[in-house]
Amino acid sequence: MKKLILTLSLIGLISPVFSQVYFPEKNQWETKSPEELGLNAAKIKEAIAFAEAHESTANPNLKIAHYESAFGREPFGYPVGPMKTRGPATGLIIYKGYVVGQWGEPERVDLTFSVAKSFLSTTAGLAVEEGLIQSEMDLVYPYMAPIYPFDPVKAMMNKADHLEEDDVFELFGTEHNRKIRWDDLLRQTSDWEGSLWGKPDWADRPSEGVAQKRARAQNEPGSQYEYNDTRVNVLALALLNVWRKPLPAVLKEKIMDPIGASDTWRWTGYENSFVILDGQIIQSVSGGSHWGGGMMLSAWDQARFGYLTLRNGNWNGKQLISTSWLEKSRTPTPAQPDYGFMNYFLNYDQKQVPAAPKSAFLHIGAGTNMIYVDQENDLVVVARWIPNGDKAELVRLILESLKK
């Protein structure tokens, strides 16, 4: 068998790099002791103990946690998508492809909040690869048809009372919105104006005050970074219209099945985020769990996605995400240098994780949910329900286990 692999590698049928790399089969992931891979077992144990001792103090009932946080005090801040009670502090340490440490309940399916944005931006990259989007630098509006929302309540109303109302809406119909590129949406620099699924753009994290945010002029697309889930959901709806099928189906076929993800993950939207597309009622998903919905998945499935990005989009010799897309995803946004395409948080200035290499990057969501990806050290770390301020110390302790 080794001679066969070597022969195929020499003639280019198998990548000589990836034929030597371990990729886990579905529903199994090989475990090795830290000592087997030359790690300091005591440091791994210390890191795990740190993660377990520093579990988030937010209420495990995520609905209550929402209303106890700043999210619940926003205008129109009520959840409109499914939420669930979370599990305990949980995590995985993957080194050179093998599990060398775990804690909590990694098989438990939980919300992953804004890590969902990394899955969303992946479906944009797949659309570019398929030719559905010619370039991420294109304007978005030429790709868009009128949006026909599914509204069963409106269907029961007296039609004469709504004679002057449009039955459809334009997602990029204003002068400002027509200037937005796909790249602006991916980098959260679009400053898209409007309301979607009952959530106005100005109601999301109005740190300067609602009146001030409503009164200010829209920034030129690309000029200012603003983390805003209404605009993320605009990207999700725009991509749904490009793919003309549910984004979870795209993700399942193109990414999750090929990497051996479980059958337990789900990607949902809101109770009112349904549209009629090609004669079918389809839910437009959310790019996070700010108002509920988003990705629900296990730590094992988080780790598989992180491992895919560690391997530059290649899974066991098959290129699932193009290397050029991942390079763009890890390219700093001019208006926010520690951010690439959503939700790639970059460590070039070493502010995210001071002890980590500058090339490391993280997929981060509230909770905190973290997928740390370190290509220099061949390391993936999943940590769930840890305070955001403690994630860097956890990674530092794990990195110390690599030192000889």
Protein backbone atom coordinates (compact mmCIF):
# COMPACT_ATOMS: atom_id res chain seq x y z
CA MET A 1 0.00 0.00 0.00
CA LYS A 2 2.84 2.42 0.84
CA LYS A 3 4.43 1.73 -2.58
CA LEU A 4 1.09 2.39 -4.29
CA ILE A 5 0.63 5.72 -2.48
CA LEU A 6 4.20 6.74 -3.30
CA THR A 7 3.70 5.85 -6.98
CA LEU A 8 0.42 7.77 -7.19
CA SER A 9 2.02 10.73 -5.46
CA LEU A 10 4.90 10.79 -7.95
CA ILE A 11 2.53 10.86 -10.94
CA GLY A 12 0.40 13.55 -9.31
CA LEU A 13 -2.77 11.57 -8.58
CA ILE A 14 -2.37 12.01 -4.84
CA SER A 15 -0.96 15.12 -3.22
CA PRO A 16 2.40 14.18 -1.65
CA VAL A 17 1.54 16.58 1.18
CA PHE A 18 -1.94 15.42 2.06
CA SER A 19 -1.20 11.70 1.62
CA GLN A 20 0.86 12.04 4.81
CA VAL A 21 -1.74 13.98 6.78
CA TYR A 22 -4.38 12.35 8.97
CA PHE A 23 -8.03 13.18 8.26
CA PRO A 24 -10.70 11.75 10.57
CA GLU A 25 -13.51 9.59 9.24
CA LYS A 26 -17.13 10.47 9.98
CA ASN A 27 -18.18 9.86 13.60
CA GLN A 28 -14.64 9.11 14.75
CA TRP A 29 -11.53 11.08 15.49
CA GLU A 30 -8.36 9.32 16.57
CA THR A 31 -6.98 10.25 19.97
CA LYS A 32 -3.32 10.22 20.92
CA SER A 33 -1.78 11.00 24.27
CA PRO A 34 0.14 14.29 24.48
CA GLU A 35 3.32 12.29 25.16
CA GLU A 36 2.96 10.36 21.89
CA LEU A 37 3.23 13.61 19.96
CA GLY A 38 5.97 15.15 22.08
CA LEU A 39 3.73 17.49 24.08
CA ASN A 40 3.99 18.36 27.73
CA ALA A 41 1.09 16.43 29.23
CA ALA A 42 1.12 18.46 32.44
CA LYS A 43 0.64 21.69 30.46
CA ILE A 44 -2.25 20.19 28.49
CA LYS A 45 -3.84 19.14 31.77
CA GLU A 46 -3.30 22.64 33.17
CA ALA A 47 -4.92 24.22 30.11
CA ILE A 48 -7.97 21.98 30.36
CA ALA A 49 -8.31 22.71 34.08
CA PHE A 50 -8.13 26.44 33.27
CA ALA A 51 -10.92 26.14 30.70
CA GLU A 52 -13.13 24.17 33.06
CA ALA A 53 -12.56 26.65 35.88
CA HIS A 54 -13.27 29.65 33.68
CA GLU A 55 -16.70 28.80 32.35
CA SER A 56 -18.87 31.72 31.28
CA THR A 57 -20.94 33.15 34.14
CA ALA A 58 -23.81 34.10 31.79
CA ASN A 59 -27.06 32.25 32.35
CA PRO A 60 -27.03 28.85 30.54
CA ASN A 61 -30.62 29.57 29.46
CA LEU A 62 -29.66 31.62 26.42
CA LYS A 63 -33.01 33.40 26.26
CA ILE A 64 -32.49 34.74 29.78
CA ALA A 65 -28.82 35.48 29.01
CA HIS A 66 -29.98 37.46 25.97
CA TYR A 67 -32.27 39.71 27.99
CA GLU A 68 -29.66 40.14 30.72
CA SER A 69 -27.12 41.35 28.12
CA ALA A 70 -26.90 44.52 26.05
CA PHE A 71 -28.56 42.64 23.17
CA GLY A 72 -31.82 42.43 25.10
CA ARG A 73 -31.80 46.19 25.68
CA GLU A 74 -31.48 47.11 22.00
CA PRO A 75 -34.46 48.57 20.12
CA PHE A 76 -36.38 45.60 18.69
CA GLY A 77 -33.96 43.39 20.61
CA TYR A 78 -36.27 40.44 21.19
CA PRO A 79 -35.25 37.04 19.73
CA VAL A 80 -37.10 35.90 16.61
CA GLY A 81 -35.23 32.63 16.09
CA PRO A 82 -34.79 29.43 18.11
CA MET A 83 -32.53 29.45 21.15
CA LYS A 84 -31.67 26.65 23.58
CA THR A 85 -30.06 26.10 26.95
CA ARG A 86 -26.32 25.62 26.50
CA GLY A 87 -24.04 22.97 27.91
CA PRO A 88 -20.97 23.26 30.17
CA ALA A 89 -17.56 24.64 29.30
CA THR A 90 -16.43 22.42 26.44
CA GLY A 91 -13.46 22.10 24.16
CA LEU A 92 -11.08 20.09 22.01
CA ILE A 93 -7.36 20.30 21.32
CA ILE A 94 -6.34 18.96 17.90
CA TYR A 95 -2.58 18.68 17.30
CA LYS A 96 -1.14 17.37 14.03
CA GLY A 97 -4.64 16.12 13.26
CA TYR A 98 -5.13 14.08 16.42
CA VAL A 99 -7.18 14.75 19.54
CA VAL A 100 -4.78 15.33 22.43
CA GLY A 101 -7.24 16.87 24.89
CA GLN A 102 -10.94 17.38 25.46
CA TRP A 103 -13.32 18.58 28.17
CA GLY A 104 -17.02 19.11 28.75
CA GLU A 105 -19.53 17.69 26.28
CA PRO A 106 -18.03 18.01 22.78
CA GLU A 107 -20.84 15.92 21.27
CA ARG A 108 -23.52 18.34 22.53
CA VAL A 109 -25.26 20.42 19.85
CA ASP A 110 -25.26 24.08 20.90
CA LEU A 111 -25.59 27.49 19.30
CA THR A 112 -22.28 28.81 18.00
CA PHE A 113 -23.37 32.45 17.56
CA SER A 114 -21.15 34.40 15.15
CA VAL A 115 -18.98 31.45 14.18
CA ALA A 116 -21.92 30.94 11.81
CA LYS A 117 -20.57 33.92 9.86
CA SER A 118 -17.54 31.86 8.82
CA PHE A 119 -19.88 29.25 7.37
CA LEU A 120 -21.84 32.02 5.64
CA SER A 121 -18.75 33.59 4.05
CA THR A 122 -17.77 30.09 2.92
CA THR A 123 -21.00 29.83 0.90
CA ALA A 124 -20.05 33.14 -0.74
CA GLY A 125 -16.66 31.69 -1.69
CA LEU A 126 -18.36 28.62 -3.12
CA ALA A 127 -20.64 30.88 -5.19
CA VAL A 128 -17.57 32.61 -6.66
CA GLU A 129 -15.95 29.23 -7.34
CA GLU A 130 -19.12 28.01 -9.10
CA GLY A 131 -19.33 31.17 -11.21
CA LEU A 132 -22.60 32.26 -9.65
CA ILE A 133 -20.78 35.42 -8.56
CA GLN A 134 -18.15 36.56 -11.04
CA SER A 135 -16.08 38.41 -8.44
CA GLU A 136 -16.48 39.43 -4.82
CA MET A 137 -15.55 42.94 -6.00
CA ASP A 138 -18.74 43.14 -8.07
CA LEU A 139 -21.65 45.33 -7.05
CA VAL A 140 -24.37 43.22 -5.46
CA TYR A 141 -27.52 44.84 -6.87
CA PRO A 142 -27.15 43.54 -10.47
CA TYR A 143 -27.37 40.00 -9.07
CA MET A 144 -30.62 40.66 -7.21
CA ALA A 145 -34.25 40.07 -8.18
CA PRO A 146 -37.14 41.50 -6.15
CA ILE A 147 -37.61 39.62 -2.87
CA TYR A 148 -41.04 38.05 -2.39
CA PRO A 149 -41.52 37.48 1.37
CA PHE A 150 -43.79 34.67 2.55
CA ASP A 151 -46.32 36.36 4.80
CA PRO A 152 -49.34 34.15 5.64
CA VAL A 153 -50.83 36.89 7.84
CA LYS A 154 -50.86 39.36 4.96
CA ALA A 155 -52.53 36.78 2.75
CA MET A 156 -55.55 36.87 5.06
CA MET A 157 -55.88 40.66 4.96
CA ASN A 158 -58.28 42.68 2.86
CA LYS A 159 -56.38 43.33 -0.37
CA ALA A 160 -58.08 46.70 -0.85
CA ASP A 161 -56.51 47.97 2.38
CA HIS A 162 -53.03 47.35 0.96
CA LEU A 163 -53.59 48.45 -2.63
CA GLU A 164 -50.63 50.84 -2.70
CA GLU A 165 -48.18 48.51 -0.96
CA ASP A 166 -45.69 46.50 -2.98
CA ASP A 167 -45.83 42.75 -2.60
CA VAL A 168 -42.06 42.51 -3.03
CA PHE A 169 -39.08 44.54 -1.83
CA GLU A 170 -35.70 45.49 -3.27
CA LEU A 171 -32.78 44.52 -1.05
CA PHE A 172 -30.45 47.03 -2.71
CA GLY A 173 -32.93 49.57 -4.01
CA THR A 174 -31.57 52.80 -2.48
CA GLU A 175 -28.88 54.99 -4.00
CA HIS A 176 -26.51 54.09 -1.15
CA ASN A 177 -27.20 50.35 -1.23
CA ARG A 178 -26.61 50.16 -4.98
CA LYS A 179 -22.95 51.06 -4.32
CA ILE A 180 -22.33 48.03 -2.09
CA ARG A 181 -20.02 45.24 -3.28
CA TRP A 182 -19.98 41.65 -2.08
CA ASP A 183 -16.59 42.44 -0.52
CA ASP A 184 -18.17 45.20 1.58
CA LEU A 185 -20.77 42.79 2.97
CA LEU A 186 -18.13 40.14 3.69
CA ARG A 187 -15.93 42.63 5.56
CA GLN A 188 -18.81 44.32 7.40
CA THR A 189 -18.02 47.67 5.82
CA SER A 190 -21.17 48.06 3.67
CA ASP A 191 -23.18 50.35 5.98
CA TRP A 192 -26.27 48.93 4.24
CA GLU A 193 -29.36 50.96 5.13
CA GLY A 194 -32.79 49.55 5.78
CA SER A 195 -34.69 47.00 7.81
CA LEU A 196 -34.76 43.23 7.37
CA TRP A 197 -36.88 40.69 9.25
CA GLY A 198 -38.11 43.45 11.58
CA LYS A 199 -34.58 44.51 12.58
CA PRO A 200 -33.51 48.00 11.37
CA ASP A 201 -29.79 48.43 10.67
CA TRP A 202 -29.63 51.29 13.21
CA ALA A 203 -31.10 49.15 16.02
CA ASP A 204 -28.14 46.76 16.10
CA ARG A 205 -25.61 47.83 18.76
CA PRO A 206 -26.29 51.61 18.55
CA SER A 207 -23.34 52.43 20.79
CA GLU A 208 -23.46 56.14 19.94
CA GLY A 209 -27.17 56.29 20.76
CA VAL A 210 -30.26 55.50 18.69
CA ALA A 211 -31.03 59.10 17.73
CA GLN A 212 -27.43 59.74 16.73
CA LYS A 213 -27.16 56.57 14.69
CA ARG A 214 -30.46 57.23 12.93
CA ALA A 215 -29.47 60.81 12.12
CA ARG A 216 -25.99 60.23 10.77
CA ALA A 217 -25.32 59.96 7.05
CA GLN A 218 -24.46 56.52 5.68
CA ASN A 219 -20.75 55.88 5.31
CA GLU A 220 -19.35 55.13 1.89
CA PRO A 221 -19.23 51.36 1.40
CA GLY A 222 -15.80 50.03 2.34
CA SER A 223 -14.80 53.06 4.40
CA GLN A 224 -16.00 52.13 7.91
CA TYR A 225 -16.23 48.82 9.78
CA GLU A 226 -19.33 48.11 11.85
CA TYR A 227 -20.24 44.72 13.26
CA ASN A 228 -23.91 44.50 12.38
CA ASP A 229 -26.09 41.40 12.18
CA THR A 230 -28.85 42.99 10.13
CA ARG A 231 -26.30 43.49 7.37
CA VAL A 232 -24.99 39.96 7.84
CA ASN A 233 -28.53 38.72 7.28
CA VAL A 234 -28.66 40.86 4.13
CA LEU A 235 -25.68 38.89 2.84
CA ALA A 236 -27.41 35.60 3.70
CA LEU A 237 -30.55 36.63 1.80
CA ALA A 238 -28.51 37.88 -1.16
CA LEU A 239 -26.62 34.57 -1.32
CA LEU A 240 -29.88 32.62 -1.11
CA ASN A 241 -31.04 34.47 -4.22
CA VAL A 242 -27.80 33.68 -6.03
CA TRP A 243 -27.83 29.97 -5.11
CA ARG A 244 -31.65 29.69 -5.54
CA LYS A 245 -31.69 26.99 -2.87
CA PRO A 246 -31.32 26.91 0.92
CA LEU A 247 -27.81 27.74 2.14
CA PRO A 248 -27.83 24.82 4.63
CA ALA A 249 -28.28 22.48 1.64
CA VAL A 250 -25.33 24.13 -0.10
CA LEU A 251 -23.17 23.86 3.01
CA LYS A 252 -24.15 20.22 3.58
CA GLU A 253 -23.33 19.14 0.04
CA LYS A 254 -20.18 21.17 -0.51
CA ILE A 255 -18.56 21.23 2.95
CA MET A 256 -20.12 19.37 5.85
CA ASP A 257 -20.65 15.98 4.23
CA PRO A 258 -17.20 15.90 2.57
CA ILE A 259 -15.46 16.68 5.90
CA GLY A 260 -17.41 13.96 7.68
CA ALA A 261 -19.47 16.24 9.88
CA SER A 262 -22.20 14.61 11.94
CA ASP A 263 -25.87 14.62 10.98
CA THR A 264 -26.75 16.66 14.08
CA TRP A 265 -25.88 20.20 12.97
CA ARG A 266 -28.64 22.62 11.95
CA TRP A 267 -28.59 26.11 10.39
CA THR A 268 -31.77 28.11 10.89
CA GLY A 269 -33.17 31.57 10.38
CA TYR A 270 -36.04 33.43 12.00
CA GLU A 271 -39.74 32.76 12.39
CA ASN A 272 -40.39 35.52 9.81
CA SER A 273 -37.41 35.06 7.44
CA PHE A 274 -39.19 33.01 4.79
CA VAL A 275 -39.35 33.95 1.11
CA ILE A 276 -41.00 32.45 -1.95
CA LEU A 277 -38.32 31.49 -4.43
CA ASP A 278 -38.94 29.52 -7.61
CA GLY A 279 -42.33 28.47 -6.29
CA GLN A 280 -40.99 27.17 -2.97
CA ILE A 281 -41.13 28.57 0.57
CA ILE A 282 -37.52 28.80 1.75
CA GLN A 283 -36.10 30.12 5.01
CA SER A 284 -33.27 32.62 4.77
CA VAL A 285 -30.78 31.73 7.51
CA SER A 286 -29.18 34.10 9.99
CA GLY A 287 -25.44 34.66 10.19
CA GLY A 288 -25.36 34.43 13.97
CA SER A 289 -27.57 33.98 17.01
CA HIS A 290 -27.89 37.63 18.00
CA TRP A 291 -31.69 37.33 17.70
CA GLY A 292 -31.78 33.53 17.84
CA GLY A 293 -31.29 31.07 15.03
CA GLY A 294 -27.95 30.54 13.33
CA MET A 295 -25.77 27.44 13.51
CA MET A 296 -26.36 24.74 16.10
CA LEU A 297 -23.58 22.16 16.05
CA SER A 298 -21.23 20.13 18.21
CA ALA A 299 -17.67 20.96 19.17
CA TRP A 300 -16.62 18.00 17.01
CA ASP A 301 -18.19 19.61 13.96
CA GLN A 302 -16.67 22.98 14.87
CA ALA A 303 -13.28 21.25 15.01
CA ARG A 304 -13.77 19.68 11.59
CA PHE A 305 -14.48 23.07 10.03
CA GLY A 306 -11.49 24.59 11.84
CA TYR A 307 -9.32 21.70 10.65
CA LEU A 308 -10.49 22.30 7.07
CA THR A 309 -9.36 25.93 7.28
CA LEU A 310 -6.09 24.80 8.93
CA ARG A 311 -5.48 22.60 5.86
CA ASN A 312 -6.14 25.52 3.50
CA GLY A 313 -9.51 24.21 2.40
CA ASN A 314 -8.19 20.78 1.42
CA TRP A 315 -9.72 17.65 2.93
CA ASN A 316 -7.87 14.43 2.24
CA GLY A 317 -6.72 15.59 -1.18
CA LYS A 318 -9.97 17.28 -2.25
CA GLN A 319 -10.01 21.08 -2.44
CA LEU A 320 -13.34 22.07 -0.88
CA ILE A 321 -12.62 25.79 -0.40
CA SER A 322 -10.28 27.43 -2.87
CA THR A 323 -6.92 28.52 -1.50
CA SER A 324 -7.41 31.95 -3.08
CA TRP A 325 -10.68 32.41 -1.18
CA LEU A 326 -9.00 31.51 2.11
CA GLU A 327 -6.16 33.92 1.34
CA LYS A 328 -8.74 36.67 0.83
CA SER A 329 -10.56 35.59 4.00
CA ARG A 330 -7.31 36.12 5.92
CA THR A 331 -6.47 39.43 4.24
CA PRO A 332 -6.89 42.38 6.65
CA THR A 333 -9.81 44.73 6.06
CA PRO A 334 -8.40 48.27 5.54
CA ALA A 335 -10.99 49.77 7.89
CA GLN A 336 -10.43 47.00 10.50
CA PRO A 337 -6.99 45.35 10.16
CA ASP A 338 -7.70 42.48 12.59
CA TYR A 339 -10.70 41.32 10.54
CA GLY A 340 -10.82 39.51 7.22
CA PHE A 341 -13.94 38.07 5.62
CA MET A 342 -16.51 37.30 8.28
CA ASN A 343 -15.74 35.76 10.72
CA TYR A 344 -11.97 35.46 10.37
CA PHE A 345 -10.34 37.34 13.24
CA LEU A 346 -6.67 37.92 12.49
CA ASN A 347 -3.72 37.96 14.86
CA TYR A 348 -1.26 40.02 12.80
CA ASP A 349 -0.98 42.60 15.58
CA GLN A 350 -1.13 39.80 18.18
CA LYS A 351 -3.96 41.50 20.05
CA GLN A 352 -6.32 38.54 19.85
CA VAL A 353 -3.78 36.08 21.29
CA PRO A 354 -0.46 37.75 22.20
CA ALA A 355 1.34 34.43 22.69
CA ALA A 356 0.27 33.06 19.29
CA PRO A 357 1.97 33.44 15.91
CA LYS A 358 0.96 36.43 13.82
CA SER A 359 -0.38 34.04 11.18
CA ALA A 360 -2.90 32.44 13.54
CA PHE A 361 -6.58 33.26 13.05
CA LEU A 362 -9.80 32.61 14.92
CA HIS A 363 -13.46 32.01 14.15
CA ILE A 364 -15.18 33.71 17.09
CA GLY A 365 -18.77 33.95 18.31
CA ALA A 366 -20.44 35.15 21.49
CA GLY A 367 -20.44 32.80 24.42
CA THR A 368 -17.49 32.82 23.84
CA ASN A 369 -17.33 30.23 21.07
CA MET A 370 -13.83 30.03 19.62
CA ILE A 371 -12.14 28.00 16.92
CA TYR A 372 -8.42 28.83 17.09
CA VAL A 373 -6.46 27.90 13.97
CA ASP A 374 -2.65 27.87 14.05
CA GLN A 375 -0.97 26.60 10.89
CA GLU A 376 2.57 27.23 12.16
CA ASN A 377 1.98 24.84 15.05
CA ASP A 378 -0.46 22.49 13.27
CA LEU A 379 -2.99 23.21 16.00
CA VAL A 380 -6.76 23.68 16.26
CA VAL A 381 -8.43 24.55 19.55
CA VAL A 382 -12.19 24.64 20.08
CA ALA A 383 -13.37 26.35 23.26
CA ARG A 384 -17.03 26.92 24.11
CA TRP A 385 -18.59 28.97 26.89
CA ILE A 386 -15.40 30.65 28.07
CA PRO A 387 -15.26 34.39 28.84
CA ASN A 388 -13.78 36.26 25.90
CA GLY A 389 -11.03 37.71 28.09
CA ASP A 390 -9.83 34.21 29.02
CA LYS A 391 -9.47 32.73 25.54
CA ALA A 392 -5.96 34.11 25.00
CA GLU A 393 -4.70 32.62 28.27
CA LEU A 394 -6.14 29.23 27.35
CA VAL A 395 -4.31 29.28 24.03
CA ARG A 396 -1.10 30.44 25.74
CA LEU A 397 -1.19 27.48 28.11
CA ILE A 398 -1.71 25.07 25.22
CA LEU A 399 1.12 26.63 23.23
CA GLU A 400 3.40 26.18 26.22
CA SER A 401 2.83 22.44 25.99
CA LEU A 402 4.52 22.50 22.56
CA LYS A 403 7.77 23.94 23.91
CA LYS A 404 10.57 21.45 24.50
